[in-house]
Every structure is written in structure tokens, then in C-alpha cells.
Amino acid sequence: MFRWLQRTVSGRGRGRAADSSAWNPTGWWWCLDHGRAENPPDAPGHRRLGPYDSAEQAAHWRARLDDRNEAWDESDRRWAAGR
């Protein structure tokens, strides 16, 4: 099975090259190693956040995270108060 998977992913055996778009995702990513927005990403998946629609959105990832967490915390407080 492993050899079949290698052939499938690489595109070998089908008479065409592999589709590299699957390995080169579109969008903007925030690189935790470099501290900047990147397109295409220059770090492994576990060291980046995204994808985002723009470099500006990627650069403001922390504000979005804080806003989302605050909204969830407020929702939890309302839920706990209603018990």
C-alpha cells in the first residue's frame, strides 16, 4: 500500500506530473519562526498560522485570536450564570 500511495501522490504511473498546488497552499500565513506574513509559507505547518486572505489579516492574527477568545469567554460566563 505504501508504494501505491507514493505513486498516487507523486503522479507517477499516470503519465503526468504531480499537482504541486496540493503542497503549495494559497493564501497568506503567519510564520512563528520569522514573525512575518509569508506567501508562500517558508516554515513547516506546525510553525505557521493560516491561511489568511491577506498579509494584513495574517499580521493581525493575535488581535483576532484575542477577540475570539474574549467572545467565547463571555459566552461561557453567560452560560454558567444561567445554570
Foldseek 3Di string as FASTA:
>chain_A
DVVVVVCVQQVPPVPDGHDCCVVFDAAWKQFQVVRAIDHRDDDDPVRIDDRDHDRVCNNCVVVVVVVVVVVVVVVVVVVVVVD
